[in-house]
C-alpha atoms as a PDB file:
ATOM      1  CA  MET A   1      -0.073  -0.106   0.052  1.00  0.00           C
ATOM      2  CA  LEU A   2       1.337   3.432  -0.764  1.00  0.00           C
ATOM      3  CA  GLU A   3       0.326   6.435   1.197  1.00  0.00           C
ATOM      4  CA  PRO A   4      -1.013   8.863   1.080  1.00  0.00           C
ATOM      5  CA  GLU A   5      -3.921   8.062  -1.097  1.00  0.00           C
ATOM      6  CA  ASP A   6      -3.503  10.552  -3.847  1.00  0.00           C
ATOM      7  CA  ASN A   7      -5.372   9.970  -7.233  1.00  0.00           C
ATOM      8  CA  SER A   8      -2.803  12.385  -8.986  1.00  0.00           C
ATOM      9  CA  ARG A   9       0.135  10.894  -7.654  1.00  0.00           C
ATOM     10  CA  LEU A  10      -1.045   7.420  -8.364  1.00  0.00           C
ATOM     11  CA  ALA A  11      -1.932   8.289 -12.103  1.00  0.00           C
ATOM     12  CA  ASN A  12       1.582   9.660 -12.044  1.00  0.00           C
ATOM     13  CA  LEU A  13       3.411   6.900 -11.070  1.00  0.00           C
ATOM     14  CA  SER A  14       1.419   4.343 -13.614  1.00  0.00           C
ATOM     15  CA  GLY A  15       1.833   6.406 -16.340  1.00  0.00           C
ATOM     16  CA  GLN A  16      -0.712   6.750 -19.331  1.00  0.00           C
ATOM     17  CA  PHE A  17      -2.155   3.458 -20.022  1.00  0.00           C
ATOM     18  CA  ASP A  18      -0.108   2.099 -17.231  1.00  0.00           C
ATOM     19  CA  GLU A  19       2.733   2.246 -18.931  1.00  0.00           C
ATOM     20  CA  ASN A  20       5.376   2.670 -16.374  1.00  0.00           C
ATOM     21  CA  LEU A  21       4.232  -0.213 -14.396  1.00  0.00           C
ATOM     22  CA  ARG A  22       4.202  -2.372 -17.840  1.00  0.00           C
ATOM     23  CA  HIS A  23       7.957  -1.254 -18.002  1.00  0.00           C
ATOM     24  CA  ILE A  24       8.782  -2.281 -14.444  1.00  0.00           C
ATOM     25  CA  GLU A  25       7.409  -5.723 -15.288  1.00  0.00           C
ATOM     26  CA  ARG A  26       9.450  -6.328 -18.437  1.00  0.00           C
ATOM     27  CA  ARG A  27      12.501  -5.074 -16.671  1.00  0.00           C
ATOM     28  CA  LEU A  28      11.865  -7.435 -13.536  1.00  0.00           C
ATOM     29  CA  ASN A  29       9.935 -10.268 -14.930  1.00  0.00           C
ATOM     30  CA  VAL A  30       6.877  -9.660 -12.541  1.00  0.00           C
ATOM     31  CA  GLU A  31       3.228  -8.774 -12.738  1.00  0.00           C
ATOM     32  CA  ILE A  32       1.759  -5.917 -11.171  1.00  0.00           C
ATOM     33  CA  ALA A  33      -1.879  -5.339 -10.373  1.00  0.00           C
ATOM     34  CA  ASN A  34      -3.074  -2.553  -8.233  1.00  0.00           C
ATOM     35  CA  ARG A  35      -6.505  -1.365  -7.031  1.00  0.00           C
ATOM     36  CA  GLY A  36      -6.189   2.485  -5.743  1.00  0.00           C
ATOM     37  CA  ASN A  37      -3.128   2.506  -3.747  1.00  0.00           C
ATOM     38  CA  HIS A  38      -2.771  -1.337  -3.176  1.00  0.00           C
ATOM     39  CA  PHE A  39      -0.226  -2.937  -5.596  1.00  0.00           C
ATOM     40  CA  ARG A  40       0.182  -6.831  -5.905  1.00  0.00           C
ATOM     41  CA  ILE A  41       3.581  -7.780  -7.219  1.00  0.00           C
ATOM     42  CA  GLN A  42       3.951 -11.305  -8.341  1.00  0.00           C
ATOM     43  CA  GLY A  43       7.338 -12.957  -9.450  1.00  0.00           C
ATOM     44  CA  SER A  44      10.264 -14.443  -7.597  1.00  0.00           C
ATOM     45  CA  LYS A  45      10.970 -13.398  -4.183  1.00  0.00           C
ATOM     46  CA  ASN A  46      14.002 -11.332  -5.189  1.00  0.00           C
ATOM     47  CA  ALA A  47      12.225  -9.682  -7.972  1.00  0.00           C
ATOM     48  CA  THR A  48       8.897  -8.707  -5.991  1.00  0.00           C
ATOM     49  CA  LEU A  49      10.899  -7.162  -3.222  1.00  0.00           C
ATOM     50  CA  GLN A  50      12.789  -5.171  -5.887  1.00  0.00           C
ATOM     51  CA  GLY A  51       9.747  -4.208  -7.081  1.00  0.00           C
ATOM     52  CA  GLU A  52       8.289  -2.719  -4.084  1.00  0.00           C
ATOM     53  CA  GLN A  53      11.129  -1.082  -3.480  1.00  0.00           C
ATOM     54  CA  VAL A  54      11.017   0.765  -7.026  1.00  0.00           C
ATOM     55  CA  LEU A  55       7.389   1.572  -6.821  1.00  0.00           C
ATOM     56  CA  ARG A  56       7.968   3.292  -3.241  1.00  0.00           C
ATOM     57  CA  THR A  57      10.997   5.269  -4.845  1.00  0.00           C
ATOM     58  CA  LEU A  58       8.778   6.555  -7.884  1.00  0.00           C
ATOM     59  CA  PHE A  59       5.996   7.028  -5.888  1.00  0.00           C
ATOM     60  CA  GLU A  60       8.167   9.356  -3.508  1.00  0.00           C
ATOM     61  CA  GLN A  61       9.193  11.321  -6.661  1.00  0.00           C
ATOM     62  CA  THR A  62       5.621  11.894  -7.714  1.00  0.00           C
ATOM     63  CA  ALA A  63       5.514  14.468  -5.101  1.00  0.00           C
ATOM     64  CA  ASN A  64       7.534  16.758  -6.704  1.00  0.00           C
ATOM     65  CA  GLU A  65       7.745  15.967 -10.472  1.00  0.00           C
ATOM     66  CA  ARG A  66       6.178  14.070 -13.179  1.00  0.00           C
ATOM     67  CA  LEU A  67       7.605  10.800 -14.162  1.00  0.00           C
ATOM     68  CA  GLU A  68       8.884  10.243 -17.545  1.00  0.00           C
ATOM     69  CA  PRO A  69      10.280   7.221 -19.017  1.00  0.00           C
ATOM     70  CA  HIS A  70      13.999   8.075 -18.084  1.00  0.00           C
ATOM     71  CA  HIS A  71      12.769   8.223 -14.414  1.00  0.00           C
ATOM     72  CA  ILE A  72      11.792   4.770 -14.769  1.00  0.00           C
ATOM     73  CA  HIS A  73      14.914   3.507 -16.154  1.00  0.00           C
ATOM     74  CA  MET A  74      17.359   5.397 -13.744  1.00  0.00           C
ATOM     75  CA  CYS A  75      15.409   3.894 -10.708  1.00  0.00           C
ATOM     76  CA  LEU A  76      15.683   0.171 -12.128  1.00  0.00           C
ATOM     77  CA  GLN A  77      19.159   0.864 -12.747  1.00  0.00           C
ATOM     78  CA  GLU A  78      19.986   2.353  -9.360  1.00  0.00           C
ATOM     79  CA  SER A  79      17.708  -0.510  -7.940  1.00  0.00           C
ATOM     80  CA  GLY A  80      20.994  -3.020  -8.612  1.00  0.00           C
ATOM     81  CA  MET A  81      18.751  -5.550 -10.412  1.00  0.00           C
ATOM     82  CA  GLN A  82      19.567  -6.659 -13.629  1.00  0.00           C
ATOM     83  CA  PRO A  83      18.369  -9.702 -15.808  1.00  0.00           C
ATOM     84  CA  VAL A  84      21.523 -11.884 -16.190  1.00  0.00           C
ATOM     85  CA  GLY A  85      19.824 -15.016 -17.853  1.00  0.00           C
ATOM     86  CA  GLY A  86      18.721 -13.834 -21.172  1.00  0.00           C
ATOM     87  CA  LYS A  87      15.284 -12.436 -22.182  1.00  0.00           C
ATOM     88  CA  ASP A  88      13.529 -15.841 -22.262  1.00  0.00           C
ATOM     89  CA  ASN A  89      14.610 -17.258 -18.927  1.00  0.00           C
ATOM     90  CA  PRO A  90      15.649 -14.179 -16.929  1.00  0.00           C
ATOM     91  CA  VAL A  91      17.696 -14.755 -13.536  1.00  0.00           C
ATOM     92  CA  LEU A  92      17.749 -11.796 -11.474  1.00  0.00           C
ATOM     93  CA  SER A  93      20.434 -10.690  -8.754  1.00  0.00           C
ATOM     94  CA  VAL A  94      20.458  -7.677  -6.492  1.00  0.00           C
ATOM     95  CA  ALA A  95      23.644  -5.790  -6.151  1.00  0.00           C
ATOM     96  CA  ASN A  96      24.771  -4.623  -2.548  1.00  0.00           C
ATOM     97  CA  ASP A  97      23.653  -1.078  -1.859  1.00  0.00           C
ATOM     98  CA  PRO A  98      26.571   1.203  -2.736  1.00  0.00           C
ATOM     99  CA  ASP A  99      28.233   3.600  -0.194  1.00  0.00           C
ATOM    100  CA  GLU A 100      26.507   7.153  -0.975  1.00  0.00           C
ATOM    101  CA  MET A 101      29.378   9.366  -2.481  1.00  0.00           C
ATOM    102  CA  VAL A 102      27.978  12.776  -3.511  1.00  0.00           C
ATOM    103  CA  ILE A 103      30.216  15.036  -5.886  1.00  0.00           C
ATOM    104  CA  ARG A 104      29.196  18.867  -4.640  1.00  0.00           C
ATOM    105  CA  THR A 105      29.701  21.339  -7.400  1.00  0.00           C
ATOM    106  CA  ARG A 106      28.673  25.059  -7.249  1.00  0.00           C
ATOM    107  CA  ARG A 107      25.475  24.688  -9.299  1.00  0.00           C
ATOM    108  CA  LYS A 108      24.428  20.754  -8.743  1.00  0.00           C
ATOM    109  CA  LEU A 109      24.990  17.861  -6.628  1.00  0.00           C
ATOM    110  CA  ILE A 110      25.941  14.669  -8.746  1.00  0.00           C
ATOM    111  CA  ARG A 111      25.247  11.099  -7.279  1.00  0.00           C
ATOM    112  CA  PRO A 112      26.642   7.721  -8.804  1.00  0.00           C
ATOM    113  CA  ARG A 113      23.811   5.784 -10.030  1.00  0.00           C
ATOM    114  CA  GLY A 114      24.793   2.083  -9.089  1.00  0.00           C
ATOM    115  CA  ALA A 115      27.549   0.189  -7.418  1.00  0.00           C
ATOM    116  CA  ASN A 116      29.967   0.500 -10.538  1.00  0.00           C
ATOM    117  CA  GLN A 117      29.939   4.196 -10.562  1.00  0.00           C
ATOM    118  CA  SER A 118      30.412   4.345  -6.578  1.00  0.00           C
ATOM    119  CA  ASN A 119      33.459   2.371  -6.834  1.00  0.00           C
ATOM    120  CA  TYR A 120      34.758   4.258  -9.963  1.00  0.00           C
ATOM    121  CA  LEU A 121      34.336   7.607  -7.472  1.00  0.00           C
ATOM    122  CA  ALA A 122      35.789   6.090  -4.964  1.00  0.00           C
ATOM    123  CA  GLN A 123      38.882   4.954  -6.822  1.00  0.00           C
ATOM    124  CA  VAL A 124      39.246   8.211  -8.601  1.00  0.00           C
ATOM    125  CA  ARG A 125      39.319   9.995  -4.908  1.00  0.00           C
ATOM    126  CA  ASP A 126      41.737   7.421  -3.738  1.00  0.00           C
ATOM    127  CA  ASN A 127      44.207   6.980  -6.722  1.00  0.00           C
ATOM    128  CA  ASP A 128      46.397   9.356  -8.477  1.00  0.00           C
ATOM    129  CA  LEU A 129      45.713   7.524 -11.484  1.00  0.00           C
ATOM    130  CA  THR A 130      42.366   5.876 -12.584  1.00  0.00           C
ATOM    131  CA  PHE A 131      41.065   4.000 -15.671  1.00  0.00           C
ATOM    132  CA  GLY A 132      37.451   4.057 -16.524  1.00  0.00           C
ATOM    133  CA  ILE A 133      36.759   1.586 -19.159  1.00  0.00           C
ATOM    134  CA  GLY A 134      33.493   0.697 -20.783  1.00  0.00           C
ATOM    135  CA  PRO A 135      30.742   1.729 -23.684  1.00  0.00           C
ATOM    136  CA  ALA A 136      29.192   4.704 -23.977  1.00  0.00           C
ATOM    137  CA  GLY A 137      26.444   6.162 -21.690  1.00  0.00           C
ATOM    138  CA  THR A 138      28.050   4.716 -18.532  1.00  0.00           C
ATOM    139  CA  GLY A 139      28.880   8.100 -17.162  1.00  0.00           C
ATOM    140  CA  LYS A 140      32.824   7.753 -17.365  1.00  0.00           C
ATOM    141  CA  THR A 141      33.884  11.242 -18.497  1.00  0.00           C
ATOM    142  CA  TYR A 142      30.668  12.985 -16.783  1.00  0.00           C
ATOM    143  CA  LEU A 143      31.721  11.808 -13.470  1.00  0.00           C
ATOM    144  CA  ALA A 144      35.549  12.439 -14.077  1.00  0.00           C
ATOM    145  CA  VAL A 145      34.536  15.971 -15.434  1.00  0.00           C
ATOM    146  CA  ALA A 146      32.238  16.577 -11.982  1.00  0.00           C
ATOM    147  CA  THR A 147      35.073  15.354  -9.808  1.00  0.00           C
ATOM    148  CA  ALA A 148      37.536  17.668 -11.313  1.00  0.00           C
ATOM    149  CA  VAL A 149      35.066  20.546 -10.852  1.00  0.00           C
ATOM    150  CA  GLU A 150      34.623  19.898  -7.247  1.00  0.00           C
ATOM    151  CA  ALA A 151      38.464  19.363  -6.816  1.00  0.00           C
ATOM    152  CA  LEU A 152      39.021  22.570  -8.628  1.00  0.00           C
ATOM    153  CA  GLU A 153      36.317  24.498  -6.353  1.00  0.00           C
ATOM    154  CA  THR A 154      37.750  23.230  -3.176  1.00  0.00           C
ATOM    155  CA  ASP A 155      41.195  24.019  -4.158  1.00  0.00           C
ATOM    156  CA  ARG A 156      42.456  20.522  -4.225  1.00  0.00           C
ATOM    157  CA  VAL A 157      44.014  21.327  -7.524  1.00  0.00           C
ATOM    158  CA  ARG A 158      44.927  24.596  -9.318  1.00  0.00           C
ATOM    159  CA  ARG A 159      43.704  23.898 -12.894  1.00  0.00           C
ATOM    160  CA  ILE A 160      41.638  21.251 -14.924  1.00  0.00           C
ATOM    161  CA  ILE A 161      43.215  19.802 -18.217  1.00  0.00           C
ATOM    162  CA  LEU A 162      40.911  18.111 -20.629  1.00  0.00           C
ATOM    163  CA  VAL A 163      42.858  15.820 -23.381  1.00  0.00           C
ATOM    164  CA  ARG A 164      41.674  13.823 -26.356  1.00  0.00           C
ATOM    165  CA  PRO A 165      43.729  11.967 -29.023  1.00  0.00           C
ATOM    166  CA  ALA A 166      43.328  13.927 -32.526  1.00  0.00           C
ATOM    167  CA  VAL A 167      41.881  10.730 -34.203  1.00  0.00           C
ATOM    168  CA  GLU A 168      37.846  10.595 -34.328  1.00  0.00           C
ATOM    169  CA  ALA A 169      35.520   8.397 -36.482  1.00  0.00           C
ATOM    170  CA  GLY A 170      38.045   7.306 -39.040  1.00  0.00           C
ATOM    171  CA  GLU A 171      38.876  10.970 -39.527  1.00  0.00           C
ATOM    172  CA  ARG A 172      41.789  13.326 -38.889  1.00  0.00           C
ATOM    173  CA  LEU A 173      41.821  16.875 -38.004  1.00  0.00           C
ATOM    174  CA  GLY A 174      43.166  18.289 -41.281  1.00  0.00           C
ATOM    175  CA  PHE A 175      39.900  18.094 -43.049  1.00  0.00           C
ATOM    176  CA  LEU A 176      38.008  20.489 -40.389  1.00  0.00           C
ATOM    177  CA  PRO A 177      38.327  24.320 -41.198  1.00  0.00           C
ATOM    178  CA  GLY A 178      40.041  26.621 -38.819  1.00  0.00           C
ATOM    179  CA  ALA A 179      43.088  26.765 -36.371  1.00  0.00           C
ATOM    180  CA  LEU A 180      43.950  23.687 -34.101  1.00  0.00           C
ATOM    181  CA  PRO A 181      41.842  24.741 -31.165  1.00  0.00           C
ATOM    182  CA  GLN A 182      38.756  25.220 -33.460  1.00  0.00           C
ATOM    183  CA  LYS A 183      39.600  21.944 -35.033  1.00  0.00           C
ATOM    184  CA  VAL A 184      39.880  20.039 -31.333  1.00  0.00           C
ATOM    185  CA  ASP A 185      37.064  21.496 -29.685  1.00  0.00           C
ATOM    186  CA  PRO A 186      34.147  19.638 -31.629  1.00  0.00           C
ATOM    187  CA  TYR A 187      35.502  16.573 -30.257  1.00  0.00           C
ATOM    188  CA  LEU A 188      35.488  17.915 -26.729  1.00  0.00           C
ATOM    189  CA  ARG A 189      32.080  19.154 -26.714  1.00  0.00           C
ATOM    190  CA  PRO A 190      30.887  16.358 -24.250  1.00  0.00           C
ATOM    191  CA  MET A 191      33.401  17.532 -21.770  1.00  0.00           C
ATOM    192  CA  TYR A 192      32.325  21.127 -22.574  1.00  0.00           C
ATOM    193  CA  ASP A 193      28.929  20.351 -21.813  1.00  0.00           C
ATOM    194  CA  ALA A 194      29.652  18.803 -18.630  1.00  0.00           C
ATOM    195  CA  LEU A 195      31.718  21.675 -17.694  1.00  0.00           C
ATOM    196  CA  TYR A 196      28.583  24.201 -18.512  1.00  0.00           C
ATOM    197  CA  GLU A 197      26.281  22.070 -16.551  1.00  0.00           C
ATOM    198  CA  MET A 198      28.237  22.313 -13.522  1.00  0.00           C
ATOM    199  CA  LEU A 199      29.746  25.944 -13.651  1.00  0.00           C
ATOM    200  CA  GLY A 200      27.651  27.842 -16.113  1.00  0.00           C
ATOM    201  CA  TYR A 201      28.513  29.075 -19.364  1.00  0.00           C
ATOM    202  CA  GLU A 202      30.263  32.651 -18.355  1.00  0.00           C
ATOM    203  CA  GLN A 203      32.233  30.709 -15.473  1.00  0.00           C
ATOM    204  CA  VAL A 204      33.598  28.327 -17.932  1.00  0.00           C
ATOM    205  CA  SER A 205      34.665  31.019 -20.193  1.00  0.00           C
ATOM    206  CA  LYS A 206      36.342  32.746 -17.373  1.00  0.00           C
ATOM    207  CA  LEU A 207      38.252  29.605 -16.119  1.00  0.00           C
ATOM    208  CA  LEU A 208      39.287  29.133 -19.839  1.00  0.00           C
ATOM    209  CA  GLU A 209      40.645  32.761 -20.335  1.00  0.00           C
ATOM    210  CA  ARG A 210      42.624  32.326 -17.315  1.00  0.00           C
ATOM    211  CA  ASN A 211      44.172  28.897 -18.145  1.00  0.00           C
ATOM    212  CA  MET A 212      42.432  27.169 -14.895  1.00  0.00           C
ATOM    213  CA  ILE A 213      40.814  25.023 -17.487  1.00  0.00           C
ATOM    214  CA  GLU A 214      42.901  23.992 -20.346  1.00  0.00           C
ATOM    215  CA  VAL A 215      41.806  22.149 -23.388  1.00  0.00           C
ATOM    216  CA  ALA A 216      44.592  20.196 -25.324  1.00  0.00           C
ATOM    217  CA  PRO A 217      45.030  17.540 -27.992  1.00  0.00           C
ATOM    218  CA  LEU A 218      47.320  14.753 -26.733  1.00  0.00           C
ATOM    219  CA  ALA A 219      50.058  15.626 -29.009  1.00  0.00           C
ATOM    220  CA  PHE A 220      50.510  18.887 -27.001  1.00  0.00           C
ATOM    221  CA  MET A 221      51.260  17.065 -23.869  1.00  0.00           C
ATOM    222  CA  ARG A 222      54.746  16.020 -24.769  1.00  0.00           C
ATOM    223  CA  GLY A 223      57.440  17.461 -22.826  1.00  0.00           C
ATOM    224  CA  ARG A 224      55.266  19.214 -20.307  1.00  0.00           C
ATOM    225  CA  SER A 225      55.155  18.133 -16.446  1.00  0.00           C
ATOM    226  CA  LEU A 226      51.657  18.783 -14.849  1.00  0.00           C
ATOM    227  CA  ASN A 227      51.751  19.515 -11.422  1.00  0.00           C
ATOM    228  CA  GLU A 228      48.686  20.459  -9.023  1.00  0.00           C
ATOM    229  CA  SER A 229      46.412  19.528 -11.984  1.00  0.00           C
ATOM    230  CA  PHE A 230      43.340  17.283 -12.381  1.00  0.00           C
ATOM    231  CA  ILE A 231      44.019  15.629 -15.901  1.00  0.00           C
ATOM    232  CA  ILE A 232      41.396  14.034 -17.729  1.00  0.00           C
ATOM    233  CA  LEU A 233      42.486  11.792 -20.911  1.00  0.00           C
ATOM    234  CA  ASP A 234      39.132  10.973 -22.687  1.00  0.00           C
ATOM    235  CA  GLU A 235      38.705   8.540 -25.678  1.00  0.00           C
ATOM    236  CA  ALA A 236      41.862   6.862 -24.633  1.00  0.00           C
ATOM    237  CA  GLN A 237      41.368   3.979 -27.004  1.00  0.00           C
ATOM    238  CA  ASN A 238      42.418   6.118 -29.752  1.00  0.00           C
ATOM    239  CA  THR A 239      45.931   6.460 -28.284  1.00  0.00           C
ATOM    240  CA  THR A 240      49.034   4.831 -29.594  1.00  0.00           C
ATOM    241  CA  VAL A 241      51.175   2.764 -27.058  1.00  0.00           C
ATOM    242  CA  ALA A 242      53.711   5.342 -27.201  1.00  0.00           C
ATOM    243  CA  GLN A 243      51.268   8.058 -26.851  1.00  0.00           C
ATOM    244  CA  MET A 244      49.716   6.446 -23.897  1.00  0.00           C
ATOM    245  CA  LYS A 245      53.235   5.993 -22.379  1.00  0.00           C
ATOM    246  CA  MET A 246      53.910   9.612 -23.080  1.00  0.00           C
ATOM    247  CA  PHE A 247      50.645  10.875 -21.148  1.00  0.00           C
ATOM    248  CA  LEU A 248      51.043   9.101 -18.166  1.00  0.00           C
ATOM    249  CA  THR A 249      54.473   9.785 -17.614  1.00  0.00           C
ATOM    250  CA  ARG A 250      53.412  13.842 -17.713  1.00  0.00           C
ATOM    251  CA  ILE A 251      51.397  13.476 -14.296  1.00  0.00           C
ATOM    252  CA  GLY A 252      53.434  15.707 -11.522  1.00  0.00           C
ATOM    253  CA  PHE A 253      53.213  16.300  -8.161  1.00  0.00           C
ATOM    254  CA  GLY A 254      49.540  16.891  -6.422  1.00  0.00           C
ATOM    255  CA  SER A 255      47.997  15.941  -9.702  1.00  0.00           C
ATOM    256  CA  THR A 256      44.872  13.445 -10.413  1.00  0.00           C
ATOM    257  CA  ALA A 257      44.608  11.433 -13.551  1.00  0.00           C
ATOM    258  CA  VAL A 258      41.479  10.012 -15.120  1.00  0.00           C
ATOM    259  CA  VAL A 259      41.616   7.931 -18.127  1.00  0.00           C
ATOM    260  CA  THR A 260      38.397   6.713 -19.898  1.00  0.00           C
ATOM    261  CA  GLY A 261      37.701   5.269 -23.033  1.00  0.00           C
ATOM    262  CA  ASP A 262      35.787   2.421 -24.920  1.00  0.00           C
ATOM    263  CA  VAL A 263      37.883  -0.414 -26.531  1.00  0.00           C
ATOM    264  CA  SER A 264      34.993  -1.465 -28.627  1.00  0.00           C
ATOM    265  CA  GLN A 265      35.174   2.097 -30.552  1.00  0.00           C
ATOM    266  CA  ILE A 266      38.783   2.316 -31.750  1.00  0.00           C
ATOM    267  CA  ASP A 267      39.376   4.437 -34.485  1.00  0.00           C
ATOM    268  CA  LEU A 268      42.891   4.007 -35.150  1.00  0.00           C
ATOM    269  CA  PRO A 269      44.252   2.776 -38.533  1.00  0.00           C
ATOM    270  CA  HIS A 270      43.984  -1.036 -38.878  1.00  0.00           C
ATOM    271  CA  GLY A 271      46.590  -2.961 -37.355  1.00  0.00           C
ATOM    272  CA  GLN A 272      47.680  -0.341 -34.734  1.00  0.00           C
ATOM    273  CA  LEU A 273      47.333  -1.530 -31.077  1.00  0.00           C
ATOM    274  CA  SER A 274      45.305   0.927 -28.979  1.00  0.00           C
ATOM    275  CA  GLY A 275      47.282   2.310 -26.107  1.00  0.00           C
ATOM    276  CA  LEU A 276      44.370   1.680 -23.660  1.00  0.00           C
ATOM    277  CA  LYS A 277      44.221  -1.734 -24.461  1.00  0.00           C
ATOM    278  CA  HIS A 278      47.901  -2.266 -23.912  1.00  0.00           C
ATOM    279  CA  VAL A 279      48.035  -0.457 -20.677  1.00  0.00           C
ATOM    280  CA  MET A 280      45.140  -2.366 -19.204  1.00  0.00           C
ATOM    281  CA  ARG A 281      47.462  -5.209 -19.556  1.00  0.00           C
ATOM    282  CA  VAL A 282      50.570  -3.648 -18.405  1.00  0.00           C
ATOM    283  CA  LEU A 283      49.480  -1.742 -15.438  1.00  0.00           C
ATOM    284  CA  SER A 284      46.767  -4.221 -14.243  1.00  0.00           C
ATOM    285  CA  ASP A 285      48.917  -5.479 -11.228  1.00  0.00           C
ATOM    286  CA  VAL A 286      50.152  -1.975 -10.403  1.00  0.00           C
ATOM    287  CA  ALA A 287      49.388  -0.813  -6.792  1.00  0.00           C
ATOM    288  CA  GLY A 288      47.809   2.715  -6.521  1.00  0.00           C
ATOM    289  CA  ILE A 289      46.065   2.647  -9.885  1.00  0.00           C
ATOM    290  CA  GLY A 290      42.392   2.415  -9.876  1.00  0.00           C
ATOM    291  CA  MET A 291      40.689   0.399 -12.771  1.00  0.00           C
ATOM    292  CA  THR A 292      36.830   0.441 -13.200  1.00  0.00           C
ATOM    293  CA  ARG A 293      35.371  -1.945 -16.261  1.00  0.00           C
ATOM    294  CA  PHE A 294      32.085  -0.828 -17.053  1.00  0.00           C
ATOM    295  CA  GLY A 295      29.581  -2.877 -18.868  1.00  0.00           C
ATOM    296  CA  SER A 296      26.079  -2.692 -20.545  1.00  0.00           C
ATOM    297  CA  THR A 297      24.061  -2.946 -17.449  1.00  0.00           C
ATOM    298  CA  ASP A 298      25.963   0.675 -16.252  1.00  0.00           C
ATOM    299  CA  VAL A 299      24.514   2.482 -19.320  1.00  0.00           C
ATOM    300  CA  VAL A 300      22.347   5.112 -18.063  1.00  0.00           C
ATOM    301  CA  ARG A 301      20.985   6.394 -21.196  1.00  0.00           C
ATOM    302  CA  HIS A 302      17.882   5.147 -22.995  1.00  0.00           C
ATOM    303  CA  PRO A 303      17.280   1.297 -22.307  1.00  0.00           C
ATOM    304  CA  LEU A 304      17.887   0.574 -26.097  1.00  0.00           C
ATOM    305  CA  VAL A 305      21.498   1.747 -25.648  1.00  0.00           C
ATOM    306  CA  GLN A 306      22.173  -1.064 -23.295  1.00  0.00           C
ATOM    307  CA  LYS A 307      20.417  -3.549 -25.753  1.00  0.00           C
ATOM    308  CA  ILE A 308      22.494  -2.165 -28.768  1.00  0.00           C
ATOM    309  CA  VAL A 309      25.826  -2.524 -26.631  1.00  0.00           C
ATOM    310  CA  ASP A 310      24.719  -6.283 -25.970  1.00  0.00           C
ATOM    311  CA  ALA A 311      24.183  -7.080 -29.580  1.00  0.00           C
ATOM    312  CA  TYR A 312      27.166  -5.290 -30.730  1.00  0.00           C
ATOM    313  CA  ASP A 313      28.966  -7.340 -28.282  1.00  0.00           C
ATOM    314  CA  ALA A 314      27.486 -10.761 -29.024  1.00  0.00           C
ATOM    315  CA  TYR A 315      27.676 -10.141 -32.724  1.00  0.00           C
ATOM    316  CA  GLU A 316      31.474  -9.599 -32.298  1.00  0.00           C
ATOM    317  CA  GLN A 317      31.954 -12.586 -30.427  1.00  0.00           C
ATOM    318  CA  ASP A 318      30.564 -14.812 -33.100  1.00  0.00           C
ATOM    319  CA  ASP A 319      32.259 -12.887 -35.619  1.00  0.00           C
ATOM    320  CA  ASN A 320      35.635 -13.713 -33.891  1.00  0.00           C
ATOM    321  CA  ARG A 321      34.458 -17.544 -33.657  1.00  0.00           C
ATOM    322  CA  ASP A 322      34.075 -17.706 -37.656  1.00  0.00           C
END
């Protein structure tokens, strides 16, 4: 039973034509029936308990906002229950509740979604070097930027340095118009967007002018020693082995470095080894380095993205066996 009994909130929870309830049913493999504020959930023990938790959490949210599909998806993701046995015979497992870790920036609070994101944040805060490896939509870059902003605002670092290799989607920067900064900017847009969200456009512009936020292609890192900085290397799957070694040896005193990438989306020339894939083997047993591997169940975008990632992984595994 959900209280208070409020018809408007109950309708918000159920969604148009009960679409929200049907979404929960599909994800948890349960059946949900309700009359007024009385809900009955049928399924396995773990699934019904998780379904009750999800319904109560969503009902609390109805007091302040109108539920949209992404609210349902995120609540299910955060609940820690994921199908692991296939769509025809799903087996559900419940992850341990992650310790709450909050990133505080001037404009907003950012909370990790799920145990893997919490583990990632803990590693970033506890290590001078952390790798976040996994598919698009898992929050790797966004959380790294949020942590960098928090570190800058609390004077733990003096500047933020955002770095990307200058190889994207099979193209090189020469085909773009403008000087090098204008060529690089489009590829750094996801990091800019995160900065604008957390600091505001005017503040980001000021920090860029004062060089407290620096944006640079990876090639510009050679010969530098980066002290008291928060350095983010994004799209690291497109580094060569030599570039990755060069970047990692730039880390100076008082600095934190986060390397993010997706080894399933390498745009290097055919036959060239990715520096990210190489470094995952080289540094796997080195103490003091954090390494979080994200999977499709960590995707926090549209539910279809998770299915797309799984489908590509399955296809590539079959292709490798042929």
